[in-house]
Amino acid sequence: MGPTHHALLDASWSGITLLAVWAHPDDEAYLGAGLMNAVSSGGGRCRWLAVRQAAT
């Protein structure tokens, strides 16, 4: 069985900006990559911010 096609892939994201905030610098790679790809492929913009606490 192949991957499931989702309606998000066909949506028009033109004029939409997605801001994704992640707790670790690599979280976007496996947690939100599909959504960010759908938004950018559909004409929207993606911005992401990784926030971490520096060691003291």
N, C-alpha and C. Protein backbone atom coordinates (compact mmCIF):
# COMPACT_ATOMS: atom_id res chain seq x y z
N MET A 1 0.85 -1.18 0.00
CA MET A 1 0.00 0.00 0.00
C MET A 1 0.90 1.24 0.00
N GLY A 2 0.60 2.18 -0.88
CA GLY A 2 1.39 3.41 -1.00
C GLY A 2 1.01 4.44 0.04
N PRO A 3 1.70 5.56 0.01
CA PRO A 3 1.40 6.64 0.97
C PRO A 3 0.00 7.20 0.74
N THR A 4 -0.60 7.66 1.80
CA THR A 4 -1.93 8.25 1.75
C THR A 4 -1.84 9.69 1.25
N HIS A 5 -2.69 10.04 0.30
CA HIS A 5 -2.74 11.41 -0.20
C HIS A 5 -3.61 12.24 0.73
N HIS A 6 -3.16 13.38 1.10
CA HIS A 6 -3.89 14.22 2.05
C HIS A 6 -4.33 15.51 1.38
N ALA A 7 -5.47 16.04 1.79
CA ALA A 7 -6.02 17.26 1.21
C ALA A 7 -5.10 18.46 1.41
N LEU A 8 -4.26 18.44 2.43
CA LEU A 8 -3.33 19.56 2.64
C LEU A 8 -2.39 19.75 1.45
N LEU A 9 -2.10 18.66 0.74
CA LEU A 9 -1.19 18.74 -0.39
C LEU A 9 -1.82 19.48 -1.57
N ASP A 10 -3.14 19.47 -1.66
CA ASP A 10 -3.84 20.13 -2.76
C ASP A 10 -4.30 21.54 -2.41
N ALA A 11 -4.15 21.95 -1.19
CA ALA A 11 -4.66 23.24 -0.74
C ALA A 11 -3.86 24.39 -1.35
N SER A 12 -4.52 25.51 -1.55
CA SER A 12 -3.84 26.72 -1.98
C SER A 12 -3.40 27.47 -0.73
N TRP A 13 -2.12 27.63 -0.57
CA TRP A 13 -1.58 28.31 0.60
C TRP A 13 -1.10 29.71 0.24
N SER A 14 -1.49 30.20 -0.92
CA SER A 14 -1.07 31.52 -1.38
C SER A 14 -1.50 32.59 -0.37
N GLY A 15 -0.57 33.44 0.00
CA GLY A 15 -0.87 34.50 0.96
C GLY A 15 -0.76 34.09 2.41
N ILE A 16 -0.44 32.83 2.67
CA ILE A 16 -0.34 32.31 4.04
C ILE A 16 1.13 32.24 4.44
N THR A 17 1.42 32.63 5.66
CA THR A 17 2.75 32.44 6.23
C THR A 17 2.63 31.52 7.43
N LEU A 18 3.36 30.44 7.40
CA LEU A 18 3.40 29.48 8.50
C LEU A 18 4.63 29.78 9.36
N LEU A 19 4.42 30.02 10.64
CA LEU A 19 5.53 30.18 11.57
C LEU A 19 5.56 28.96 12.46
N ALA A 20 6.63 28.20 12.37
CA ALA A 20 6.80 27.00 13.19
C ALA A 20 7.88 27.28 14.23
N VAL A 21 7.58 26.99 15.48
CA VAL A 21 8.52 27.20 16.58
C VAL A 21 8.87 25.84 17.16
N TRP A 22 10.16 25.55 17.20
CA TRP A 22 10.63 24.24 17.64
C TRP A 22 11.54 24.38 18.86
N ALA A 23 11.53 23.37 19.69
CA ALA A 23 12.34 23.39 20.91
C ALA A 23 13.80 23.01 20.64
N HIS A 24 14.05 22.31 19.56
CA HIS A 24 15.41 21.87 19.24
C HIS A 24 15.67 22.11 17.76
N PRO A 25 16.91 22.39 17.38
CA PRO A 25 17.22 22.74 15.99
C PRO A 25 16.88 21.67 14.95
N ASP A 26 16.80 20.40 15.31
CA ASP A 26 16.53 19.37 14.31
C ASP A 26 15.08 18.88 14.32
N ASP A 27 14.22 19.41 15.17
CA ASP A 27 12.84 18.94 15.27
C ASP A 27 12.04 19.17 13.99
N GLU A 28 12.33 20.25 13.27
CA GLU A 28 11.56 20.54 12.05
C GLU A 28 11.75 19.47 10.99
N ALA A 29 12.88 18.79 11.03
CA ALA A 29 13.18 17.79 10.00
C ALA A 29 12.23 16.60 10.04
N TYR A 30 11.77 16.22 11.21
CA TYR A 30 10.89 15.05 11.27
C TYR A 30 9.50 15.35 11.83
N LEU A 31 9.31 16.49 12.44
CA LEU A 31 8.00 16.80 13.01
C LEU A 31 7.12 17.64 12.09
N GLY A 32 7.68 18.52 11.30
CA GLY A 32 6.86 19.42 10.51
C GLY A 32 7.25 19.56 9.06
N ALA A 33 8.18 18.75 8.60
CA ALA A 33 8.68 18.90 7.23
C ALA A 33 7.58 18.72 6.19
N GLY A 34 6.68 17.79 6.40
CA GLY A 34 5.60 17.56 5.44
C GLY A 34 4.66 18.74 5.32
N LEU A 35 4.29 19.32 6.46
CA LEU A 35 3.40 20.48 6.44
C LEU A 35 4.10 21.68 5.81
N MET A 36 5.35 21.90 6.19
CA MET A 36 6.08 23.03 5.62
C MET A 36 6.27 22.86 4.11
N ASN A 37 6.47 21.64 3.65
CA ASN A 37 6.58 21.37 2.22
C ASN A 37 5.26 21.65 1.52
N ALA A 38 4.14 21.23 2.12
CA ALA A 38 2.83 21.48 1.52
C ALA A 38 2.54 22.97 1.41
N VAL A 39 2.88 23.72 2.44
CA VAL A 39 2.63 25.16 2.44
C VAL A 39 3.48 25.84 1.36
N SER A 40 4.77 25.53 1.33
CA SER A 40 5.63 26.20 0.35
C SER A 40 5.30 25.75 -1.07
N SER A 41 4.94 24.50 -1.28
CA SER A 41 4.56 24.02 -2.61
C SER A 41 3.24 24.63 -3.07
N GLY A 42 2.38 24.99 -2.12
CA GLY A 42 1.09 25.58 -2.45
C GLY A 42 1.11 27.09 -2.56
N GLY A 43 2.30 27.69 -2.54
CA GLY A 43 2.41 29.13 -2.74
C GLY A 43 2.55 29.95 -1.48
N GLY A 44 2.60 29.29 -0.31
CA GLY A 44 2.76 30.02 0.95
C GLY A 44 4.21 30.19 1.34
N ARG A 45 4.42 30.86 2.45
CA ARG A 45 5.76 31.07 2.97
C ARG A 45 5.90 30.33 4.28
N CYS A 46 7.09 29.80 4.53
CA CYS A 46 7.39 29.11 5.79
C CYS A 46 8.55 29.80 6.48
N ARG A 47 8.38 30.00 7.74
CA ARG A 47 9.46 30.52 8.59
C ARG A 47 9.51 29.63 9.82
N TRP A 48 10.70 29.33 10.29
CA TRP A 48 10.77 28.53 11.50
C TRP A 48 11.83 29.08 12.44
N LEU A 49 11.60 28.82 13.70
CA LEU A 49 12.46 29.32 14.76
C LEU A 49 12.75 28.17 15.71
N ALA A 50 14.02 27.92 15.95
CA ALA A 50 14.42 26.91 16.92
C ALA A 50 14.93 27.64 18.17
N VAL A 51 14.39 27.27 19.31
CA VAL A 51 14.74 27.94 20.56
C VAL A 51 15.34 26.91 21.51
N ARG A 52 16.47 27.24 22.06
CA ARG A 52 17.09 26.32 23.02
C ARG A 52 17.73 27.13 24.14
N GLN A 53 17.92 26.49 25.25
CA GLN A 53 18.56 27.15 26.38
C GLN A 53 20.04 26.84 26.33
N ALA A 54 20.85 27.85 26.38
CA ALA A 54 22.31 27.66 26.36
C ALA A 54 22.78 27.12 27.69
N ALA A 55 23.81 26.28 27.64
CA ALA A 55 24.41 25.76 28.88
C ALA A 55 25.12 26.90 29.61
N THR A 56 24.98 26.88 30.92
CA THR A 56 25.65 27.94 31.70
C THR A 56 26.80 27.40 32.47
